[in-house]
Amino acid sequence: MKLTLRIWRQKNAGAPGALSTYEVAGISPDMSFLEMLDTLNEELLLGGDDPVAFDHDCREGICGACSLVINGEAHGPNGASPAGADSRAWGSTTTCQLHMRSFQDGDTIDIEPWRAAAFPVVKDLVVDRSAFDRIIQSGGYISAPTGAAPEAHATAVPKPAADAAFEHAECIGCGACVAACPNGSAMLFTAAKVVHLNSLPQGAPERESRVLDMVGQMDAEGFGGCTNTGECATACPKGIPLFSISTMNREFVRAARKGR
């Protein structure tokens, strides 16, 4: 395959950026999208040019590091499900699990970083997502008494609660929800973390403080407000459901009324 790539190049958050055009040939349809970028960078290095900076780690769809907007879609054409469809059944995926067979020979592909005020550009396609870390640090934990670990079945967890916790624990913090949201909101990410722990009896001691602190930190980071457009859930590669946000909203109102 021969492709034309229009890639966002930017030295740092304060520098102006622009799309630069590159031609790549000999791309196998079985390559992953990141392998295709590796091929481009090899050519750039051989030509004495600065390679394109992009984030990655596991390349197995687990870590969430591969944050790219491809042709206007977070994680690319296979990274989102059609409106109203079950994203799990559709096969949503991360950029690292997107393969070049999703494109056609001769295609022009636009590649950009996540676009959000709370995700400043580090370089080229790499953004700083440490705002997510600070949201988790503000309340994404449970009380852990010192001493020996408790028995696995010491605390009974009802199956509906366990299912809800597992479903929301699948969030990998990639930031696709923020990139897809027209407001740059982090509500789906924050809701996944809140609902995950608030569903479990182990998370009960911090139930009220958790939701208040995490929502407060999310607002302090500069993320936009949620207007329920639903693009976040559509773009989520792990299928975190949109109703997670309403669940978190109920938790927030409950905590605000109860007080600390």
Protein backbone atom coordinates (compact mmCIF):
# COMPACT_ATOMS: atom_id res chain seq x y z
CA MET A 1 0.00 0.00 0.00
CA LYS A 2 1.05 3.57 -0.69
CA LEU A 3 -0.37 6.24 1.58
CA THR A 4 -0.27 9.98 2.07
CA LEU A 5 0.00 10.97 5.72
CA ARG A 6 -0.84 14.42 7.01
CA ILE A 7 0.63 14.48 10.53
CA TRP A 8 0.46 17.18 13.18
CA ARG A 9 3.98 18.40 14.02
CA GLN A 10 4.53 20.63 17.05
CA LYS A 11 7.73 21.10 19.08
CA ASN A 12 5.99 21.78 22.40
CA ALA A 13 2.83 23.17 23.98
CA GLY A 14 3.90 26.77 23.43
CA ALA A 15 5.07 26.40 19.83
CA PRO A 16 2.78 26.72 16.81
CA GLY A 17 1.88 23.47 15.09
CA ALA A 18 0.86 22.47 11.59
CA LEU A 19 0.09 19.42 9.48
CA SER A 20 3.08 18.07 7.55
CA THR A 21 2.64 15.75 4.57
CA TYR A 22 4.58 12.51 4.11
CA GLU A 23 4.41 9.71 1.56
CA VAL A 24 4.92 6.10 2.67
CA ALA A 25 5.04 3.05 0.43
CA GLY A 26 5.32 -0.69 0.92
CA ILE A 27 2.86 -0.74 3.80
CA SER A 28 1.42 -4.19 4.47
CA PRO A 29 -2.33 -4.38 5.19
CA ASP A 30 -1.42 -6.61 8.15
CA MET A 31 0.68 -3.92 9.81
CA SER A 32 -0.75 -2.18 12.85
CA PHE A 33 -1.16 1.58 12.65
CA LEU A 34 1.79 2.10 14.98
CA GLU A 35 3.99 -0.22 12.90
CA MET A 36 3.15 1.96 9.93
CA LEU A 37 4.33 5.01 11.90
CA ASP A 38 7.48 3.09 12.85
CA THR A 39 8.14 2.56 9.15
CA LEU A 40 7.71 6.28 8.47
CA ASN A 41 10.08 7.17 11.32
CA GLU A 42 12.74 4.79 9.99
CA GLU A 43 12.58 6.59 6.65
CA LEU A 44 12.74 10.00 8.35
CA LEU A 45 15.77 8.99 10.44
CA LEU A 46 17.57 7.60 7.39
CA GLY A 47 16.93 10.92 5.67
CA GLY A 48 18.29 12.88 8.63
CA ASP A 49 14.88 14.26 9.66
CA ASP A 50 13.29 14.43 13.10
CA PRO A 51 11.01 11.39 13.65
CA VAL A 52 7.36 11.85 14.56
CA ALA A 53 6.83 11.62 18.33
CA PHE A 54 3.88 9.47 19.33
CA ASP A 55 2.95 7.73 22.57
CA HIS A 56 2.79 3.95 22.98
CA ASP A 57 3.61 1.21 25.44
CA CYS A 58 2.00 -2.24 25.50
CA ARG A 59 0.69 -2.23 21.90
CA GLU A 60 -1.90 -4.76 23.05
CA GLY A 61 -4.89 -2.48 23.67
CA ILE A 62 -4.35 -2.58 27.44
CA CYS A 63 -2.44 0.50 28.60
CA GLY A 64 -4.29 3.26 26.74
CA ALA A 65 -1.12 5.14 25.77
CA CYS A 66 -1.69 5.15 21.99
CA SER A 67 -3.74 8.33 21.87
CA LEU A 68 -4.26 9.44 18.26
CA VAL A 69 -7.07 11.10 16.35
CA ILE A 70 -7.17 9.48 12.92
CA ASN A 71 -9.26 11.07 10.19
CA GLY A 72 -11.15 12.95 12.86
CA GLU A 73 -11.97 9.89 14.99
CA ALA A 74 -10.40 9.01 18.32
CA HIS A 75 -8.42 5.78 17.79
CA GLY A 76 -9.41 5.71 14.13
CA PRO A 77 -12.17 4.15 12.02
CA ASN A 78 -12.34 0.95 14.07
CA GLY A 79 -12.01 2.78 17.36
CA ALA A 80 -15.66 3.81 17.57
CA SER A 81 -19.05 2.17 17.15
CA PRO A 82 -21.95 3.67 15.17
CA ALA A 83 -24.36 5.82 17.14
CA GLY A 84 -26.70 3.66 19.16
CA ALA A 85 -24.70 0.47 18.63
CA ASP A 86 -23.14 -1.68 21.34
CA SER A 87 -19.47 -0.71 21.17
CA ARG A 88 -18.38 -4.10 22.55
CA ALA A 89 -20.23 -5.98 19.82
CA TRP A 90 -18.92 -3.59 17.18
CA GLY A 91 -15.32 -4.34 18.08
CA SER A 92 -14.04 -0.96 19.19
CA THR A 93 -10.30 -0.90 19.60
CA THR A 94 -7.31 1.25 20.45
CA THR A 95 -4.95 2.78 17.88
CA CYS A 96 -2.34 0.09 18.47
CA GLN A 97 -4.88 -2.59 17.54
CA LEU A 98 -6.02 -0.75 14.40
CA HIS A 99 -4.60 -2.43 11.27
CA MET A 100 -3.84 -0.93 7.90
CA ARG A 101 -6.38 -3.18 6.20
CA SER A 102 -8.91 -0.65 7.48
CA PHE A 103 -7.58 1.73 4.80
CA GLN A 104 -7.26 1.59 1.03
CA ASP A 105 -4.20 1.93 -1.19
CA GLY A 106 -3.74 5.60 -2.07
CA ASP A 107 -5.66 6.93 0.94
CA THR A 108 -4.81 10.23 2.61
CA ILE A 109 -4.79 9.88 6.40
CA ASP A 110 -4.90 12.79 8.85
CA ILE A 111 -3.20 12.06 12.18
CA GLU A 112 -3.56 14.46 15.11
CA PRO A 113 -3.12 14.42 18.90
CA TRP A 114 -5.96 14.52 21.43
CA ARG A 115 -7.49 18.02 21.37
CA ALA A 116 -8.31 19.28 24.87
CA ALA A 117 -7.24 22.23 26.98
CA ALA A 118 -6.42 19.85 29.84
CA PHE A 119 -4.16 17.74 27.56
CA PRO A 120 -1.33 20.08 26.50
CA VAL A 121 0.87 18.91 23.63
CA VAL A 122 4.27 17.62 24.70
CA LYS A 123 5.56 17.12 21.16
CA ASP A 124 3.91 16.24 17.85
CA LEU A 125 1.28 13.59 18.68
CA VAL A 126 2.16 13.21 22.37
CA VAL A 127 -0.03 14.95 24.95
CA ASP A 128 0.31 15.28 28.72
CA ARG A 129 -2.53 13.31 30.33
CA SER A 130 -1.31 13.68 33.90
CA ALA A 131 -4.61 15.46 34.66
CA PHE A 132 -6.15 11.96 34.73
CA ASP A 133 -3.57 10.86 37.29
CA ARG A 134 -4.46 13.76 39.55
CA ILE A 135 -8.16 12.93 39.32
CA ILE A 136 -7.44 9.36 40.41
CA GLN A 137 -5.11 10.53 43.19
CA SER A 138 -7.87 12.74 44.59
CA GLY A 139 -10.17 9.82 45.35
CA GLY A 140 -9.51 6.68 43.34
CA TYR A 141 -8.51 4.51 46.28
CA ILE A 142 -9.99 2.52 49.15
CA SER A 143 -9.04 2.25 52.83
CA ALA A 144 -6.43 -0.48 53.23
CA PRO A 145 -5.74 -1.60 56.80
CA THR A 146 -2.19 -2.75 57.47
CA GLY A 147 -1.35 -6.36 58.24
CA ALA A 148 -2.08 -9.60 56.44
CA ALA A 149 -4.26 -9.54 53.35
CA PRO A 150 -7.88 -10.50 54.06
CA GLU A 151 -9.29 -13.71 52.66
CA ALA A 152 -10.64 -13.33 49.13
CA HIS A 153 -14.19 -14.14 50.23
CA ALA A 154 -14.08 -12.29 53.55
CA THR A 155 -16.37 -9.58 52.18
CA ALA A 156 -19.33 -10.78 50.18
CA VAL A 157 -20.03 -8.76 47.04
CA PRO A 158 -23.46 -9.12 45.35
CA LYS A 159 -23.14 -10.18 41.73
CA PRO A 160 -24.81 -7.05 40.29
CA ALA A 161 -22.33 -4.91 42.21
CA ALA A 162 -19.41 -7.06 41.11
CA ASP A 163 -20.56 -6.88 37.48
CA ALA A 164 -20.86 -3.10 37.64
CA ALA A 165 -17.42 -2.79 39.22
CA PHE A 166 -15.79 -5.03 36.62
CA GLU A 167 -17.51 -3.20 33.76
CA HIS A 168 -16.22 0.18 34.90
CA ALA A 169 -12.79 -1.14 35.90
CA GLU A 170 -12.19 -1.80 32.19
CA CYS A 171 -11.50 1.91 31.64
CA ILE A 172 -7.84 2.23 30.58
CA GLY A 173 -7.67 6.02 30.88
CA CYS A 174 -6.73 6.55 27.24
CA GLY A 175 -8.60 9.87 27.01
CA ALA A 176 -10.59 9.04 23.86
CA CYS A 177 -13.74 10.21 25.66
CA VAL A 178 -12.18 13.65 26.16
CA ALA A 179 -10.88 13.83 22.59
CA ALA A 180 -14.26 12.87 21.13
CA CYS A 181 -16.32 15.22 23.31
CA PRO A 182 -17.04 18.60 21.67
CA ASN A 183 -16.64 20.16 25.13
CA GLY A 184 -13.48 18.29 26.11
CA SER A 185 -15.28 16.76 29.09
CA ALA A 186 -13.77 14.04 31.28
CA MET A 187 -17.08 12.97 32.78
CA LEU A 188 -17.02 9.42 31.37
CA PHE A 189 -13.50 8.76 32.64
CA THR A 190 -14.26 10.18 36.09
CA ALA A 191 -17.58 8.32 36.23
CA ALA A 192 -15.87 5.02 35.41
CA LYS A 193 -13.43 5.46 38.29
CA VAL A 194 -16.11 6.60 40.75
CA VAL A 195 -18.68 3.92 39.88
CA HIS A 196 -16.03 1.18 39.90
CA LEU A 197 -15.15 1.76 43.58
CA ASN A 198 -18.52 3.04 44.79
CA SER A 199 -20.16 -0.19 43.61
CA LEU A 200 -18.10 -2.26 46.05
CA PRO A 201 -18.50 -2.58 49.82
CA GLN A 202 -14.74 -2.02 50.12
CA GLY A 203 -15.24 1.45 48.67
CA ALA A 204 -18.02 2.47 51.05
CA PRO A 205 -15.88 4.38 53.62
CA GLU A 206 -14.86 6.96 50.97
CA ARG A 207 -18.09 6.85 48.98
CA GLU A 208 -19.10 10.47 49.58
CA SER A 209 -15.66 12.04 49.69
CA ARG A 210 -14.56 10.13 46.60
CA VAL A 211 -17.16 11.52 44.21
CA LEU A 212 -16.92 15.06 45.60
CA ASP A 213 -13.13 15.11 45.46
CA MET A 214 -12.79 13.50 42.03
CA VAL A 215 -15.41 15.74 40.41
CA GLY A 216 -13.83 18.76 42.07
CA GLN A 217 -10.39 17.80 40.77
CA MET A 218 -11.81 17.17 37.29
CA ASP A 219 -13.23 20.70 37.24
CA ALA A 220 -9.98 22.15 38.58
CA GLU A 221 -8.05 20.54 35.72
CA GLY A 222 -9.99 22.58 33.17
CA PHE A 223 -12.04 19.88 31.46
CA GLY A 224 -15.26 21.03 29.82
CA GLY A 225 -18.78 20.40 31.03
CA CYS A 226 -20.93 17.47 29.95
CA THR A 227 -23.90 18.17 27.67
CA ASN A 228 -24.81 14.51 27.09
CA THR A 229 -23.89 14.37 23.41
CA GLY A 230 -22.78 10.76 23.91
CA GLU A 231 -19.64 10.98 21.76
CA CYS A 232 -17.54 9.86 24.74
CA ALA A 233 -19.23 6.47 25.02
CA THR A 234 -19.20 6.04 21.25
CA ALA A 235 -15.43 6.57 21.09
CA CYS A 236 -14.55 4.53 24.19
CA PRO A 237 -12.52 1.47 23.10
CA LYS A 238 -13.58 -0.43 26.22
CA GLY A 239 -17.30 0.26 25.96
CA ILE A 240 -17.81 2.21 29.18
CA PRO A 241 -21.57 2.94 29.05
CA LEU A 242 -23.00 6.45 28.91
CA PHE A 243 -25.29 5.79 31.89
CA SER A 244 -22.14 5.77 34.05
CA ILE A 245 -22.33 9.56 33.99
CA SER A 246 -25.88 9.64 35.35
CA THR A 247 -24.87 7.13 38.02
CA MET A 248 -22.02 9.40 39.09
CA ASN A 249 -24.34 12.42 39.07
CA ARG A 250 -26.67 10.62 41.49
CA GLU A 251 -23.70 9.76 43.69
CA PHE A 252 -22.62 13.41 43.64
CA VAL A 253 -26.07 14.71 44.62
CA ARG A 254 -26.30 12.10 47.37
CA ALA A 255 -22.88 13.07 48.73
CA ALA A 256 -23.58 16.80 48.51
CA ARG A 257 -26.85 16.42 50.41
CA LYS A 258 -25.34 14.17 53.05
CA GLY A 259 -22.24 16.29 53.51
CA ARG A 260 -19.01 15.01 54.96
